C-alpha cells in the first residue's frame, strides 16, 4: 500500500492511518518512488529523494525532508514519520488533491 499525501488537507497517511499533517510542501500531484534514506549536507539526516517514472525513465523529482528546501519540490515531515517511511517496505508516494 502506498503512502499518501493529500495537498488539500495536509494529511500524510498510509492504509487510512494519518501519521501527521504538513503545511510545508511543494510536490505536484502524482505518483513517486521513494528512494532510500540518506544524510544530506544541507538538509540533515533521514532524507529521501522521490522520483517519477516518465516514459520508462526514472527522473529525480524532489525530496522528503525535515527542513524547508529553498528550491525544487519537497515535502517536509517530522523525523519520526521519516523514520517510519525509511523502515517501511512501501516505496511509493501518492500525492493527491481532492
C-alpha atoms as a PDB file:
ATOM      1  CA  UNK A   1       0.000   0.000   0.000  1.00  0.00           C
ATOM      2  CA  UNK A   2       1.317   3.442  -0.875  1.00  0.00           C
ATOM      3  CA  UNK A   3       1.993   6.396   1.381  1.00  0.00           C
ATOM      4  CA  UNK A   4      -0.492   9.189   0.608  1.00  0.00           C
ATOM      5  CA  UNK A   5      -0.120  12.951   0.959  1.00  0.00           C
ATOM      6  CA  UNK A   6      -3.293  14.995   0.435  1.00  0.00           C
ATOM      7  CA  UNK A   7      -2.492  18.532  -0.688  1.00  0.00           C
ATOM      8  CA  UNK A   8      -5.906  19.880   0.376  1.00  0.00           C
ATOM      9  CA  UNK A   9      -5.860  18.588   3.954  1.00  0.00           C
ATOM     10  CA  UNK A  10      -2.099  18.279   4.526  1.00  0.00           C
ATOM     11  CA  UNK A  11      -2.624  14.714   5.782  1.00  0.00           C
ATOM     12  CA  UNK A  12       0.176  12.206   5.375  1.00  0.00           C
ATOM     13  CA  UNK A  13      -1.172   8.673   5.723  1.00  0.00           C
ATOM     14  CA  UNK A  14      -0.909   5.010   4.824  1.00  0.00           C
ATOM     15  CA  UNK A  15      -3.709   2.443   4.833  1.00  0.00           C
ATOM     16  CA  UNK A  16      -6.092   5.118   6.144  1.00  0.00           C
ATOM     17  CA  UNK A  17      -3.976   5.874   9.230  1.00  0.00           C
ATOM     18  CA  UNK A  18      -2.915   9.541   9.442  1.00  0.00           C
ATOM     19  CA  UNK A  19       0.667   9.970  10.688  1.00  0.00           C
ATOM     20  CA  UNK A  20       0.927  13.761  10.568  1.00  0.00           C
ATOM     21  CA  UNK A  21      -0.153  16.979   8.869  1.00  0.00           C
ATOM     22  CA  UNK A  22       2.178  19.199   6.892  1.00  0.00           C
ATOM     23  CA  UNK A  23       1.705  22.673   5.513  1.00  0.00           C
ATOM     24  CA  UNK A  24       5.194  22.787   4.028  1.00  0.00           C
ATOM     25  CA  UNK A  25       5.287  21.089   0.665  1.00  0.00           C
ATOM     26  CA  UNK A  26       5.894  21.773  -2.994  1.00  0.00           C
ATOM     27  CA  UNK A  27       5.339  18.368  -4.622  1.00  0.00           C
ATOM     28  CA  UNK A  28       2.935  18.266  -7.561  1.00  0.00           C
ATOM     29  CA  UNK A  29       0.112  15.727  -7.713  1.00  0.00           C
ATOM     30  CA  UNK A  30       1.363  12.382  -8.965  1.00  0.00           C
ATOM     31  CA  UNK A  31       2.937   9.046  -8.115  1.00  0.00           C
ATOM     32  CA  UNK A  32       6.519   8.933  -6.857  1.00  0.00           C
ATOM     33  CA  UNK A  33       9.036   6.240  -5.997  1.00  0.00           C
ATOM     34  CA  UNK A  34      10.700   6.861  -2.623  1.00  0.00           C
ATOM     35  CA  UNK A  35      14.464   6.450  -2.508  1.00  0.00           C
ATOM     36  CA  UNK A  36      16.407   5.097   0.431  1.00  0.00           C
ATOM     37  CA  UNK A  37      17.304   7.187   3.446  1.00  0.00           C
ATOM     38  CA  UNK A  38      20.477   9.236   3.458  1.00  0.00           C
ATOM     39  CA  UNK A  39      22.103  12.206   5.142  1.00  0.00           C
ATOM     40  CA  UNK A  40      22.065  15.406   3.110  1.00  0.00           C
ATOM     41  CA  UNK A  41      24.788  18.041   3.712  1.00  0.00           C
ATOM     42  CA  UNK A  42      22.265  20.901   3.921  1.00  0.00           C
ATOM     43  CA  UNK A  43      19.028  19.178   4.968  1.00  0.00           C
ATOM     44  CA  UNK A  44      20.316  16.831   7.658  1.00  0.00           C
ATOM     45  CA  UNK A  45      19.547  13.215   8.460  1.00  0.00           C
ATOM     46  CA  UNK A  46      16.712  10.953   7.355  1.00  0.00           C
ATOM     47  CA  UNK A  47      16.285  12.498   3.920  1.00  0.00           C
ATOM     48  CA  UNK A  48      14.787  10.599   0.964  1.00  0.00           C
ATOM     49  CA  UNK A  49      14.709  11.540  -2.690  1.00  0.00           C
ATOM     50  CA  UNK A  50      11.478  10.968  -4.612  1.00  0.00           C
ATOM     51  CA  UNK A  51      11.405  10.012  -8.282  1.00  0.00           C
ATOM     52  CA  UNK A  52       8.853   9.934 -11.071  1.00  0.00           C
ATOM     53  CA  UNK A  53       8.860   7.398 -13.838  1.00  0.00           C
ATOM     54  CA  UNK A  54       8.188   9.126 -17.144  1.00  0.00           C
ATOM     55  CA  UNK A  55       8.399   7.302 -20.444  1.00  0.00           C
ATOM     56  CA  UNK A  56      10.285   4.449 -18.715  1.00  0.00           C
ATOM     57  CA  UNK A  57      12.958   6.854 -17.442  1.00  0.00           C
ATOM     58  CA  UNK A  58      13.228   7.486 -13.701  1.00  0.00           C
ATOM     59  CA  UNK A  59      13.764  11.183 -13.008  1.00  0.00           C
ATOM     60  CA  UNK A  60      14.843  12.918  -9.804  1.00  0.00           C
ATOM     61  CA  UNK A  61      11.771  14.933  -8.797  1.00  0.00           C
ATOM     62  CA  UNK A  62      12.069  16.058  -5.215  1.00  0.00           C
ATOM     63  CA  UNK A  63      12.881  15.289  -1.619  1.00  0.00           C
ATOM     64  CA  UNK A  64      11.245  14.254   1.655  1.00  0.00           C
ATOM     65  CA  UNK A  65      12.997  16.107   4.459  1.00  0.00           C
ATOM     66  CA  UNK A  66      12.523  17.866   7.765  1.00  0.00           C
ATOM     67  CA  UNK A  67      13.948  21.242   6.834  1.00  0.00           C
ATOM     68  CA  UNK A  68      12.385  23.662   4.360  1.00  0.00           C
ATOM     69  CA  UNK A  69      14.003  23.500   0.935  1.00  0.00           C
ATOM     70  CA  UNK A  70      14.716  26.723  -0.883  1.00  0.00           C
ATOM     71  CA  UNK A  71      14.349  25.342  -4.400  1.00  0.00           C
ATOM     72  CA  UNK A  72      12.806  22.290  -6.005  1.00  0.00           C
ATOM     73  CA  UNK A  73       9.992  20.018  -4.969  1.00  0.00           C
ATOM     74  CA  UNK A  74       9.835  18.938  -1.338  1.00  0.00           C
ATOM     75  CA  UNK A  75       7.645  17.535   1.408  1.00  0.00           C
ATOM     76  CA  UNK A  76       8.559  18.384   4.999  1.00  0.00           C
ATOM     77  CA  UNK A  77       7.665  15.701   7.533  1.00  0.00           C
ATOM     78  CA  UNK A  78       8.598  15.159  11.199  1.00  0.00           C
ATOM     79  CA  UNK A  79      11.643  12.982  11.835  1.00  0.00           C
ATOM     80  CA  UNK A  80       9.610  10.169  13.421  1.00  0.00           C
ATOM     81  CA  UNK A  81       7.436   9.909  10.291  1.00  0.00           C
ATOM     82  CA  UNK A  82      10.500   9.961   8.015  1.00  0.00           C
ATOM     83  CA  UNK A  83      11.994   7.121  10.087  1.00  0.00           C
ATOM     84  CA  UNK A  84       8.761   5.154   9.672  1.00  0.00           C
ATOM     85  CA  UNK A  85       8.962   5.622   5.883  1.00  0.00           C
ATOM     86  CA  UNK A  86      12.648   4.651   5.899  1.00  0.00           C
ATOM     87  CA  UNK A  87      11.958   1.356   7.678  1.00  0.00           C
ATOM     88  CA  UNK A  88       8.861   0.527   5.643  1.00  0.00           C
ATOM     89  CA  UNK A  89       8.772  -1.731   2.609  1.00  0.00           C
ATOM     90  CA  UNK A  90       6.328   0.698   0.974  1.00  0.00           C
ATOM     91  CA  UNK A  91       8.356   2.724  -1.543  1.00  0.00           C
ATOM     92  CA  UNK A  92       5.500   4.539  -3.315  1.00  0.00           C
ATOM     93  CA  UNK A  93       4.148   8.007  -2.520  1.00  0.00           C
ATOM     94  CA  UNK A  94       0.840   9.190  -3.954  1.00  0.00           C
ATOM     95  CA  UNK A  95       0.366  12.964  -3.850  1.00  0.00           C
ATOM     96  CA  UNK A  96      -3.350  13.622  -4.288  1.00  0.00           C
ATOM     97  CA  UNK A  97      -5.712  16.565  -4.347  1.00  0.00           C
ATOM     98  CA  UNK A  98      -9.417  16.166  -3.545  1.00  0.00           C
END
